[in-house]
Amino acid sequence: MYLTRTFGRWQIELHRRAVYLTRLPKSDPNCTACRGDGGHGYVTPAGDGDWEDCHCLTWLRTWRLPLWPRRPIREEYPF
């Protein structure tokens, strides 16, 4: 189980053992090839679709920040 929050282009995920920071992709709005969509979609005659990313699209980047290990909970009594 984890918690996810998005702030602008950044997505933060809090897991049990680490925090993940992800910069979401962004395309250039002035790109003449894709017009800011980030790629080109194709539809085949069979009805299948395909997506090809544009060169202006920045890729996902993820950083993992490990958290300190937790001590195991003892079921024993101290006496």
Protein backbone atom coordinates (compact mmCIF):
# COMPACT_ATOMS: atom_id res chain seq x y z
CA MET A 1 0.00 0.00 0.00
CA TYR A 2 1.35 3.41 -0.89
CA LEU A 3 0.40 7.04 -1.19
CA THR A 4 0.70 9.00 -4.46
CA ARG A 5 0.58 12.77 -4.94
CA THR A 6 1.21 14.83 -8.08
CA PHE A 7 2.55 18.39 -8.04
CA GLY A 8 2.83 19.84 -11.54
CA ARG A 9 5.23 17.59 -13.48
CA TRP A 10 6.37 15.75 -10.32
CA GLN A 11 4.79 12.60 -8.92
CA ILE A 12 5.71 11.51 -5.38
CA GLU A 13 5.03 7.97 -4.17
CA LEU A 14 5.48 7.01 -0.53
CA HIS A 15 6.07 3.30 -0.11
CA ARG A 16 6.88 1.36 3.02
CA ARG A 17 10.64 1.21 2.40
CA ALA A 18 11.30 4.15 0.02
CA VAL A 19 10.09 7.40 -1.49
CA TYR A 20 9.95 7.58 -5.29
CA LEU A 21 10.17 10.92 -7.12
CA THR A 22 9.16 10.81 -10.79
CA ARG A 23 9.31 13.64 -13.30
CA LEU A 24 6.46 13.11 -15.72
CA PRO A 25 7.08 13.46 -19.48
CA LYS A 26 6.50 16.74 -21.23
CA SER A 27 6.53 17.56 -24.91
CA ASP A 28 7.61 20.79 -26.56
CA PRO A 29 4.48 22.86 -27.37
CA ASN A 30 6.32 24.52 -30.29
CA CYS A 31 7.34 21.24 -31.97
CA THR A 32 6.38 21.23 -35.65
CA ALA A 33 6.37 17.42 -35.87
CA CYS A 34 3.78 16.64 -33.18
CA ARG A 35 2.33 20.10 -32.39
CA GLY A 36 2.81 19.51 -28.66
CA ASP A 37 1.00 16.15 -28.47
CA GLY A 38 4.19 14.19 -27.70
CA GLY A 39 3.86 11.75 -30.57
CA HIS A 40 1.86 10.44 -33.47
CA GLY A 41 -0.99 7.96 -33.37
CA TYR A 42 -1.64 5.48 -36.15
CA VAL A 43 -4.68 3.31 -36.79
CA THR A 44 -4.33 0.18 -38.91
CA PRO A 45 -7.11 -1.13 -41.17
CA ALA A 46 -7.73 -3.92 -38.65
CA GLY A 47 -8.68 -1.30 -36.05
CA ASP A 48 -5.54 -1.65 -33.95
CA GLY A 49 -3.82 1.51 -32.79
CA ASP A 50 -0.17 2.34 -32.36
CA TRP A 51 1.66 5.30 -30.84
CA GLU A 52 5.08 6.57 -31.82
CA ASP A 53 6.83 9.01 -29.46
CA CYS A 54 8.18 12.26 -30.87
CA HIS A 55 11.83 13.26 -30.45
CA CYS A 56 10.82 16.30 -28.37
CA LEU A 57 9.28 14.17 -25.59
CA THR A 58 11.35 14.08 -22.40
CA TRP A 59 11.53 10.63 -20.87
CA LEU A 60 10.43 9.62 -17.40
CA ARG A 61 13.05 10.02 -14.73
CA THR A 62 12.64 8.35 -11.36
CA TRP A 63 14.69 8.71 -8.23
CA ARG A 64 14.42 6.31 -5.28
CA LEU A 65 15.12 7.58 -1.77
CA PRO A 66 15.41 4.64 0.63
CA LEU A 67 14.01 5.03 4.13
CA TRP A 68 15.65 3.77 7.30
CA PRO A 69 14.92 0.12 8.07
CA ARG A 70 12.31 -0.42 10.73
CA ARG A 71 13.01 -2.47 13.81
CA PRO A 72 11.00 -5.67 14.05
CA ILE A 73 8.19 -5.61 16.59
CA ARG A 74 8.82 -8.12 19.36
CA GLU A 75 5.94 -10.13 20.69
CA GLU A 76 7.82 -10.88 23.94
CA TYR A 77 7.21 -9.17 27.26
CA PRO A 78 10.21 -7.39 28.83
CA PHE A 79 9.98 -9.46 32.05
